[in-house]
């Protein structure tokens, strides 16, 4: 499991330090990203966290927007580059 000091900030060049774009501001965002990366669906994540499916969809959309990716393959690749597993 990925542990980190929040917020996680990624510079435009992709390095996780200095000024840049905040990727994860809360433990919940990190947890949802980990569940996405483990291959779980929005419904599975919402059931396991006790949140609505729409909440999970919003988190996924926001994470993808922050990382500037268009699909789950790109999200997975980008997250792994940043040290998520």
PDB file of N, CA and C in Angstrom:
ATOM      1  N   UNK A   1       0.840  -1.184   0.000  1.00  0.00           N
ATOM      2  CA  UNK A   1       0.000   0.000   0.000  1.00  0.00           C
ATOM      3  C   UNK A   1       0.884   1.246   0.000  1.00  0.00           C
ATOM      4  N   UNK A   2       0.481   2.234  -0.755  1.00  0.00           N
ATOM      5  CA  UNK A   2       1.220   3.483  -0.888  1.00  0.00           C
ATOM      6  C   UNK A   2       0.927   4.377   0.307  1.00  0.00           C
ATOM      7  N   UNK A   3       1.963   4.885   0.949  1.00  0.00           N
ATOM      8  CA  UNK A   3       1.780   5.858   2.018  1.00  0.00           C
ATOM      9  C   UNK A   3       2.487   7.128   1.610  1.00  0.00           C
ATOM     10  N   UNK A   4       1.949   8.236   2.054  1.00  0.00           N
ATOM     11  CA  UNK A   4       2.524   9.503   1.606  1.00  0.00           C
ATOM     12  C   UNK A   4       2.167  10.620   2.575  1.00  0.00           C
ATOM     13  N   UNK A   5       2.890  11.691   2.403  1.00  0.00           N
ATOM     14  CA  UNK A   5       2.568  12.922   3.101  1.00  0.00           C
ATOM     15  C   UNK A   5       1.631  13.709   2.188  1.00  0.00           C
ATOM     16  N   UNK A   6       0.504  14.124   2.719  1.00  0.00           N
ATOM     17  CA  UNK A   6      -0.488  14.830   1.906  1.00  0.00           C
ATOM     18  C   UNK A   6      -0.318  16.323   2.029  1.00  0.00           C
ATOM     19  N   UNK A   7      -0.613  17.108   1.027  1.00  0.00           N
ATOM     20  CA  UNK A   7      -1.054  16.670  -0.292  1.00  0.00           C
ATOM     21  C   UNK A   7       0.105  16.187  -1.140  1.00  0.00           C
ATOM     22  N   UNK A   8      -0.198  15.363  -2.144  1.00  0.00           N
ATOM     23  CA  UNK A   8       0.794  14.924  -3.118  1.00  0.00           C
ATOM     24  C   UNK A   8       0.809  15.965  -4.225  1.00  0.00           C
ATOM     25  N   UNK A   9       1.967  16.550  -4.480  1.00  0.00           N
ATOM     26  CA  UNK A   9       2.103  17.596  -5.478  1.00  0.00           C
ATOM     27  C   UNK A   9       3.020  17.102  -6.585  1.00  0.00           C
ATOM     28  N   UNK A  10       2.603  17.288  -7.822  1.00  0.00           N
ATOM     29  CA  UNK A  10       3.412  16.862  -8.958  1.00  0.00           C
ATOM     30  C   UNK A  10       3.702  18.065  -9.832  1.00  0.00           C
ATOM     31  N   UNK A  11       4.986  18.281 -10.100  1.00  0.00           N
ATOM     32  CA  UNK A  11       5.384  19.380 -10.970  1.00  0.00           C
ATOM     33  C   UNK A  11       5.017  19.051 -12.413  1.00  0.00           C
ATOM     34  N   UNK A  12       5.029  20.043 -13.240  1.00  0.00           N
ATOM     35  CA  UNK A  12       4.700  19.856 -14.652  1.00  0.00           C
ATOM     36  C   UNK A  12       5.605  18.822 -15.309  1.00  0.00           C
ATOM     37  N   UNK A  13       6.856  18.694 -14.820  1.00  0.00           N
ATOM     38  CA  UNK A  13       7.778  17.725 -15.405  1.00  0.00           C
ATOM     39  C   UNK A  13       7.578  16.315 -14.844  1.00  0.00           C
ATOM     40  N   UNK A  14       6.579  16.148 -13.951  1.00  0.00           N
ATOM     41  CA  UNK A  14       6.241  14.831 -13.435  1.00  0.00           C
ATOM     42  C   UNK A  14       6.904  14.445 -12.141  1.00  0.00           C
ATOM     43  N   UNK A  15       7.766  15.275 -11.589  1.00  0.00           N
ATOM     44  CA  UNK A  15       8.430  14.941 -10.338  1.00  0.00           C
ATOM     45  C   UNK A  15       7.538  15.285  -9.156  1.00  0.00           C
ATOM     46  N   UNK A  16       7.478  14.422  -8.174  1.00  0.00           N
ATOM     47  CA  UNK A  16       6.591  14.611  -7.031  1.00  0.00           C
ATOM     48  C   UNK A  16       7.242  15.497  -5.977  1.00  0.00           C
ATOM     49  N   UNK A  17       7.476  16.745  -6.313  1.00  0.00           N
ATOM     50  CA  UNK A  17       8.045  17.688  -5.361  1.00  0.00           C
ATOM     51  C   UNK A  17       7.838  19.106  -5.867  1.00  0.00           C
ATOM     52  N   UNK A  18       8.043  20.075  -5.007  1.00  0.00           N
ATOM     53  CA  UNK A  18       7.962  21.470  -5.414  1.00  0.00           C
ATOM     54  C   UNK A  18       6.559  21.923  -5.759  1.00  0.00           C
ATOM     55  N   UNK A  19       6.453  23.070  -6.418  1.00  0.00           N
ATOM     56  CA  UNK A  19       5.163  23.611  -6.800  1.00  0.00           C
ATOM     57  C   UNK A  19       4.636  22.867  -8.013  1.00  0.00           C
ATOM     58  N   UNK A  20       3.334  22.746  -8.080  1.00  0.00           N
ATOM     59  CA  UNK A  20       2.742  22.073  -9.222  1.00  0.00           C
ATOM     60  C   UNK A  20       1.291  21.759  -8.975  1.00  0.00           C
ATOM     61  N   UNK A  21       0.830  20.692  -9.560  1.00  0.00           N
ATOM     62  CA  UNK A  21      -0.559  20.282  -9.470  1.00  0.00           C
ATOM     63  C   UNK A  21      -0.733  19.338  -8.289  1.00  0.00           C
ATOM     64  N   UNK A  22      -1.743  19.583  -7.465  1.00  0.00           N
ATOM     65  CA  UNK A  22      -2.036  18.688  -6.343  1.00  0.00           C
ATOM     66  C   UNK A  22      -2.817  17.501  -6.889  1.00  0.00           C
ATOM     67  N   UNK A  23      -2.270  16.306  -6.717  1.00  0.00           N
ATOM     68  CA  UNK A  23      -2.923  15.095  -7.213  1.00  0.00           C
ATOM     69  C   UNK A  23      -3.870  14.529  -6.165  1.00  0.00           C
ATOM     70  N   UNK A  24      -3.385  14.315  -4.965  1.00  0.00           N
ATOM     71  CA  UNK A  24      -4.219  13.759  -3.890  1.00  0.00           C
ATOM     72  C   UNK A  24      -4.150  14.682  -2.685  1.00  0.00           C
ATOM     73  N   UNK A  25      -5.306  15.144  -2.242  1.00  0.00           N
ATOM     74  CA  UNK A  25      -5.362  16.033  -1.096  1.00  0.00           C
ATOM     75  C   UNK A  25      -5.785  15.322   0.176  1.00  0.00           C
ATOM     76  N   UNK A  26      -6.311  14.115   0.054  1.00  0.00           N
ATOM     77  CA  UNK A  26      -6.809  13.424   1.232  1.00  0.00           C
ATOM     78  C   UNK A  26      -6.456  11.940   1.178  1.00  0.00           C
ATOM     79  N   UNK A  27      -6.535  11.305   2.325  1.00  0.00           N
ATOM     80  CA  UNK A  27      -6.303   9.865   2.390  1.00  0.00           C
ATOM     81  C   UNK A  27      -7.340   9.126   1.554  1.00  0.00           C
ATOM     82  N   UNK A  28      -8.557   9.665   1.496  1.00  0.00           N
ATOM     83  CA  UNK A  28      -9.629   9.037   0.724  1.00  0.00           C
ATOM     84  C   UNK A  28      -9.284   9.018  -0.765  1.00  0.00           C
ATOM     85  N   UNK A  29      -8.721  10.111  -1.289  1.00  0.00           N
ATOM     86  CA  UNK A  29      -8.317  10.141  -2.697  1.00  0.00           C
ATOM     87  C   UNK A  29      -7.236   9.109  -2.970  1.00  0.00           C
ATOM     88  N   UNK A  30      -6.275   8.987  -2.065  1.00  0.00           N
ATOM     89  CA  UNK A  30      -5.210   7.993  -2.221  1.00  0.00           C
ATOM     90  C   UNK A  30      -5.817   6.594  -2.203  1.00  0.00           C
ATOM     91  N   UNK A  31      -6.730   6.351  -1.270  1.00  0.00           N
ATOM     92  CA  UNK A  31      -7.374   5.042  -1.158  1.00  0.00           C
ATOM     93  C   UNK A  31      -8.152   4.697  -2.430  1.00  0.00           C
ATOM     94  N   UNK A  32      -8.894   5.663  -2.954  1.00  0.00           N
ATOM     95  CA  UNK A  32      -9.671   5.427  -4.168  1.00  0.00           C
ATOM     96  C   UNK A  32      -8.744   5.174  -5.351  1.00  0.00           C
ATOM     97  N   UNK A  33      -7.664   5.920  -5.455  1.00  0.00           N
ATOM     98  CA  UNK A  33      -6.705   5.698  -6.533  1.00  0.00           C
ATOM     99  C   UNK A  33      -6.124   4.292  -6.439  1.00  0.00           C
ATOM    100  N   UNK A  34      -5.784   3.850  -5.248  1.00  0.00           N
ATOM    101  CA  UNK A  34      -5.243   2.500  -5.072  1.00  0.00           C
ATOM    102  C   UNK A  34      -6.258   1.444  -5.501  1.00  0.00           C
ATOM    103  N   UNK A  35      -7.520   1.664  -5.157  1.00  0.00           N
ATOM    104  CA  UNK A  35      -8.557   0.703  -5.537  1.00  0.00           C
ATOM    105  C   UNK A  35      -8.779   0.693  -7.040  1.00  0.00           C
ATOM    106  N   UNK A  36      -8.712   1.857  -7.667  1.00  0.00           N
ATOM    107  CA  UNK A  36      -8.814   1.933  -9.125  1.00  0.00           C
ATOM    108  C   UNK A  36      -7.666   1.156  -9.757  1.00  0.00           C
ATOM    109  N   UNK A  37      -6.458   1.373  -9.238  1.00  0.00           N
ATOM    110  CA  UNK A  37      -5.282   0.702  -9.787  1.00  0.00           C
ATOM    111  C   UNK A  37      -5.303  -0.807  -9.568  1.00  0.00           C
ATOM    112  N   UNK A  38      -6.021  -1.252  -8.546  1.00  0.00           N
ATOM    113  CA  UNK A  38      -6.125  -2.695  -8.301  1.00  0.00           C
ATOM    114  C   UNK A  38      -7.164  -3.350  -9.208  1.00  0.00           C
ATOM    115  N   UNK A  39      -7.840  -2.533 -10.034  1.00  0.00           N
ATOM    116  CA  UNK A  39      -8.769  -3.081 -11.014  1.00  0.00           C
ATOM    117  C   UNK A  39     -10.223  -3.111 -10.591  1.00  0.00           C
ATOM    118  N   UNK A  40     -10.518  -2.503  -9.473  1.00  0.00           N
ATOM    119  CA  UNK A  40     -11.903  -2.498  -9.013  1.00  0.00           C
ATOM    120  C   UNK A  40     -12.765  -1.522  -9.819  1.00  0.00           C
ATOM    121  N   UNK A  41     -14.031  -1.862  -9.976  1.00  0.00           N
ATOM    122  CA  UNK A  41     -14.971  -0.992 -10.681  1.00  0.00           C
ATOM    123  C   UNK A  41     -15.495   0.079  -9.727  1.00  0.00           C
ATOM    124  N   UNK A  42     -16.154   1.077 -10.296  1.00  0.00           N
ATOM    125  CA  UNK A  42     -16.755   2.123  -9.465  1.00  0.00           C
ATOM    126  C   UNK A  42     -17.750   1.531  -8.473  1.00  0.00           C
ATOM    127  N   UNK A  43     -18.541   0.566  -8.928  1.00  0.00           N
ATOM    128  CA  UNK A  43     -19.539  -0.061  -8.057  1.00  0.00           C
ATOM    129  C   UNK A  43     -18.868  -0.820  -6.917  1.00  0.00           C
ATOM    130  N   UNK A  44     -17.818  -1.570  -7.223  1.00  0.00           N
ATOM    131  CA  UNK A  44     -17.101  -2.316  -6.187  1.00  0.00           C
ATOM    132  C   UNK A  44     -16.473  -1.368  -5.166  1.00  0.00           C
ATOM    133  N   UNK A  45     -15.891  -0.276  -5.652  1.00  0.00           N
ATOM    134  CA  UNK A  45     -15.277   0.698  -4.750  1.00  0.00           C
ATOM    135  C   UNK A  45     -16.337   1.348  -3.875  1.00  0.00           C
ATOM    136  N   UNK A  46     -17.454   1.738  -4.475  1.00  0.00           N
ATOM    137  CA  UNK A  46     -18.512   2.397  -3.696  1.00  0.00           C
ATOM    138  C   UNK A  46     -19.069   1.463  -2.629  1.00  0.00           C
ATOM    139  N   UNK A  47     -19.237   0.189  -2.974  1.00  0.00           N
ATOM    140  CA  UNK A  47     -19.735  -0.785  -1.994  1.00  0.00           C
ATOM    141  C   UNK A  47     -18.745  -0.976  -0.848  1.00  0.00           C
ATOM    142  N   UNK A  48     -17.452  -1.062  -1.161  1.00  0.00           N
ATOM    143  CA  UNK A  48     -16.464  -1.319  -0.110  1.00  0.00           C
ATOM    144  C   UNK A  48     -16.237  -0.109   0.786  1.00  0.00           C
ATOM    145  N   UNK A  49     -16.437   1.105   0.253  1.00  0.00           N
ATOM    146  CA  UNK A  49     -16.213   2.321   1.050  1.00  0.00           C
ATOM    147  C   UNK A  49     -17.492   2.911   1.629  1.00  0.00           C
ATOM    148  N   UNK A  50     -18.624   2.386   1.223  1.00  0.00           N
ATOM    149  CA  UNK A  50     -19.890   2.906   1.719  1.00  0.00           C
ATOM    150  C   UNK A  50     -20.218   4.288   1.158  1.00  0.00           C
ATOM    151  N   UNK A  51     -19.739   4.559  -0.042  1.00  0.00           N
ATOM    152  CA  UNK A  51     -20.001   5.829  -0.730  1.00  0.00           C
ATOM    153  C   UNK A  51     -20.874   5.542  -1.936  1.00  0.00           C
ATOM    154  N   UNK A  52     -21.474   6.588  -2.492  1.00  0.00           N
ATOM    155  CA  UNK A  52     -22.286   6.384  -3.686  1.00  0.00           C
ATOM    156  C   UNK A  52     -21.390   6.156  -4.894  1.00  0.00           C
ATOM    157  N   UNK A  53     -21.945   5.473  -5.891  1.00  0.00           N
ATOM    158  CA  UNK A  53     -21.197   5.231  -7.119  1.00  0.00           C
ATOM    159  C   UNK A  53     -20.833   6.567  -7.767  1.00  0.00           C
ATOM    160  N   UNK A  54     -21.721   7.536  -7.696  1.00  0.00           N
ATOM    161  CA  UNK A  54     -21.466   8.855  -8.293  1.00  0.00           C
ATOM    162  C   UNK A  54     -20.281   9.552  -7.616  1.00  0.00           C
ATOM    163  N   UNK A  55     -20.133   9.407  -6.307  1.00  0.00           N
ATOM    164  CA  UNK A  55     -18.993   9.988  -5.586  1.00  0.00           C
ATOM    165  C   UNK A  55     -17.688   9.404  -6.105  1.00  0.00           C
ATOM    166  N   UNK A  56     -17.665   8.095  -6.298  1.00  0.00           N
ATOM    167  CA  UNK A  56     -16.467   7.427  -6.799  1.00  0.00           C
ATOM    168  C   UNK A  56     -16.180   7.869  -8.227  1.00  0.00           C
ATOM    169  N   UNK A  57     -17.217   7.982  -9.050  1.00  0.00           N
ATOM    170  CA  UNK A  57     -17.039   8.457 -10.424  1.00  0.00           C
ATOM    171  C   UNK A  57     -16.436   9.863 -10.442  1.00  0.00           C
ATOM    172  N   UNK A  58     -16.885  10.710  -9.527  1.00  0.00           N
ATOM    173  CA  UNK A  58     -16.363  12.074  -9.438  1.00  0.00           C
ATOM    174  C   UNK A  58     -14.895  12.066  -9.036  1.00  0.00           C
ATOM    175  N   UNK A  59     -14.540  11.242  -8.058  1.00  0.00           N
ATOM    176  CA  UNK A  59     -13.127  11.131  -7.644  1.00  0.00           C
ATOM    177  C   UNK A  59     -12.272  10.650  -8.812  1.00  0.00           C
ATOM    178  N   UNK A  60     -12.755   9.633  -9.517  1.00  0.00           N
ATOM    179  CA  UNK A  60     -12.009   9.088 -10.656  1.00  0.00           C
ATOM    180  C   UNK A  60     -11.830  10.165 -11.728  1.00  0.00           C
ATOM    181  N   UNK A  61     -12.905  10.887 -12.042  1.00  0.00           N
ATOM    182  CA  UNK A  61     -12.839  11.959 -13.039  1.00  0.00           C
ATOM    183  C   UNK A  61     -11.825  13.021 -12.625  1.00  0.00           C
ATOM    184  N   UNK A  62     -11.877  13.434 -11.354  1.00  0.00           N
ATOM    185  CA  UNK A  62     -10.963  14.479 -10.869  1.00  0.00           C
ATOM    186  C   UNK A  62      -9.507  14.017 -10.901  1.00  0.00           C
ATOM    187  N   UNK A  63      -9.250  12.778 -10.525  1.00  0.00           N
ATOM    188  CA  UNK A  63      -7.894  12.243 -10.576  1.00  0.00           C
ATOM    189  C   UNK A  63      -7.382  12.206 -12.018  1.00  0.00           C
ATOM    190  N   UNK A  64      -8.233  11.782 -12.942  1.00  0.00           N
ATOM    191  CA  UNK A  64      -7.835  11.717 -14.342  1.00  0.00           C
ATOM    192  C   UNK A  64      -7.578  13.114 -14.900  1.00  0.00           C
ATOM    193  N   UNK A  65      -8.387  14.057 -14.493  1.00  0.00           N
ATOM    194  CA  UNK A  65      -8.205  15.439 -14.950  1.00  0.00           C
ATOM    195  C   UNK A  65      -6.889  16.009 -14.405  1.00  0.00           C
ATOM    196  N   UNK A  66      -6.617  15.784 -13.114  1.00  0.00           N
ATOM    197  CA  UNK A  66      -5.391  16.295 -12.495  1.00  0.00           C
ATOM    198  C   UNK A  66      -4.148  15.698 -13.137  1.00  0.00           C
ATOM    199  N   UNK A  67      -4.224  14.426 -13.525  1.00  0.00           N
ATOM    200  CA  UNK A  67      -3.083  13.749 -14.132  1.00  0.00           C
ATOM    201  C   UNK A  67      -3.041  13.925 -15.650  1.00  0.00           C
ATOM    202  N   UNK A  68      -4.045  14.604 -16.188  1.00  0.00           N
ATOM    203  CA  UNK A  68      -4.113  14.884 -17.625  1.00  0.00           C
ATOM    204  C   UNK A  68      -4.077  13.597 -18.446  1.00  0.00           C
ATOM    205  N   UNK A  69      -4.936  12.640 -18.058  1.00  0.00           N
ATOM    206  CA  UNK A  69      -5.047  11.377 -18.798  1.00  0.00           C
ATOM    207  C   UNK A  69      -6.483  11.203 -19.272  1.00  0.00           C
ATOM    208  N   UNK A  70      -6.660  10.371 -20.300  1.00  0.00           N
ATOM    209  CA  UNK A  70      -7.968  10.230 -20.914  1.00  0.00           C
ATOM    210  C   UNK A  70      -8.642   8.885 -20.662  1.00  0.00           C
ATOM    211  N   UNK A  71      -7.893   7.911 -20.149  1.00  0.00           N
ATOM    212  CA  UNK A  71      -8.485   6.601 -19.898  1.00  0.00           C
ATOM    213  C   UNK A  71      -7.751   5.909 -18.749  1.00  0.00           C
ATOM    214  N   UNK A  72      -8.270   4.739 -18.367  1.00  0.00           N
ATOM    215  CA  UNK A  72      -7.712   4.039 -17.209  1.00  0.00           C
ATOM    216  C   UNK A  72      -6.315   3.488 -17.464  1.00  0.00           C
ATOM    217  N   UNK A  73      -6.009   3.157 -18.697  1.00  0.00           N
ATOM    218  CA  UNK A  73      -4.667   2.674 -19.007  1.00  0.00           C
ATOM    219  C   UNK A  73      -3.648   3.790 -18.774  1.00  0.00           C
ATOM    220  N   UNK A  74      -3.973   4.994 -19.254  1.00  0.00           N
ATOM    221  CA  UNK A  74      -3.089   6.139 -19.034  1.00  0.00           C
ATOM    222  C   UNK A  74      -3.011   6.481 -17.553  1.00  0.00           C
ATOM    223  N   UNK A  75      -4.137   6.393 -16.851  1.00  0.00           N
ATOM    224  CA  UNK A  75      -4.155   6.677 -15.411  1.00  0.00           C
ATOM    225  C   UNK A  75      -3.229   5.714 -14.679  1.00  0.00           C
ATOM    226  N   UNK A  76      -3.336   4.443 -14.998  1.00  0.00           N
ATOM    227  CA  UNK A  76      -2.499   3.437 -14.364  1.00  0.00           C
ATOM    228  C   UNK A  76      -1.029   3.680 -14.643  1.00  0.00           C
ATOM    229  N   UNK A  77      -0.715   3.952 -15.879  1.00  0.00           N
ATOM    230  CA  UNK A  77       0.676   4.204 -16.270  1.00  0.00           C
ATOM    231  C   UNK A  77       1.241   5.429 -15.563  1.00  0.00           C
ATOM    232  N   UNK A  78       0.485   6.514 -15.556  1.00  0.00           N
ATOM    233  CA  UNK A  78       0.926   7.769 -14.939  1.00  0.00           C
ATOM    234  C   UNK A  78       1.093   7.586 -13.426  1.00  0.00           C
ATOM    235  N   UNK A  79       0.142   6.904 -12.785  1.00  0.00           N
ATOM    236  CA  UNK A  79       0.209   6.691 -11.341  1.00  0.00           C
ATOM    237  C   UNK A  79       1.426   5.850 -10.975  1.00  0.00           C
ATOM    238  N   UNK A  80       1.727   4.840 -11.790  1.00  0.00           N
ATOM    239  CA  UNK A  80       2.909   4.019 -11.518  1.00  0.00           C
ATOM    240  C   UNK A  80       4.191   4.817 -11.678  1.00  0.00           C
ATOM    241  N   UNK A  81       4.216   5.732 -12.651  1.00  0.00           N
ATOM    242  CA  UNK A  81       5.371   6.623 -12.819  1.00  0.00           C
ATOM    243  C   UNK A  81       5.603   7.462 -11.564  1.00  0.00           C
ATOM    244  N   UNK A  82       4.506   7.808 -10.888  1.00  0.00           N
ATOM    245  CA  UNK A  82       4.577   8.653  -9.694  1.00  0.00           C
ATOM    246  C   UNK A  82       4.798   7.851  -8.415  1.00  0.00           C
ATOM    247  N   UNK A  83       4.890   6.525  -8.535  1.00  0.00           N
ATOM    248  CA  UNK A  83       5.195   5.703  -7.375  1.00  0.00           C
ATOM    249  C   UNK A  83       4.017   5.014  -6.734  1.00  0.00           C
ATOM    250  N   UNK A  84       2.831   5.148  -7.313  1.00  0.00           N
ATOM    251  CA  UNK A  84       1.679   4.411  -6.792  1.00  0.00           C
ATOM    252  C   UNK A  84       1.761   2.991  -7.298  1.00  0.00           C
ATOM    253  N   UNK A  85       1.199   2.068  -6.523  1.00  0.00           N
ATOM    254  CA  UNK A  85       1.187   0.677  -6.986  1.00  0.00           C
ATOM    255  C   UNK A  85      -0.163   0.055  -6.749  1.00  0.00           C
TER     256      UNK A  85
END
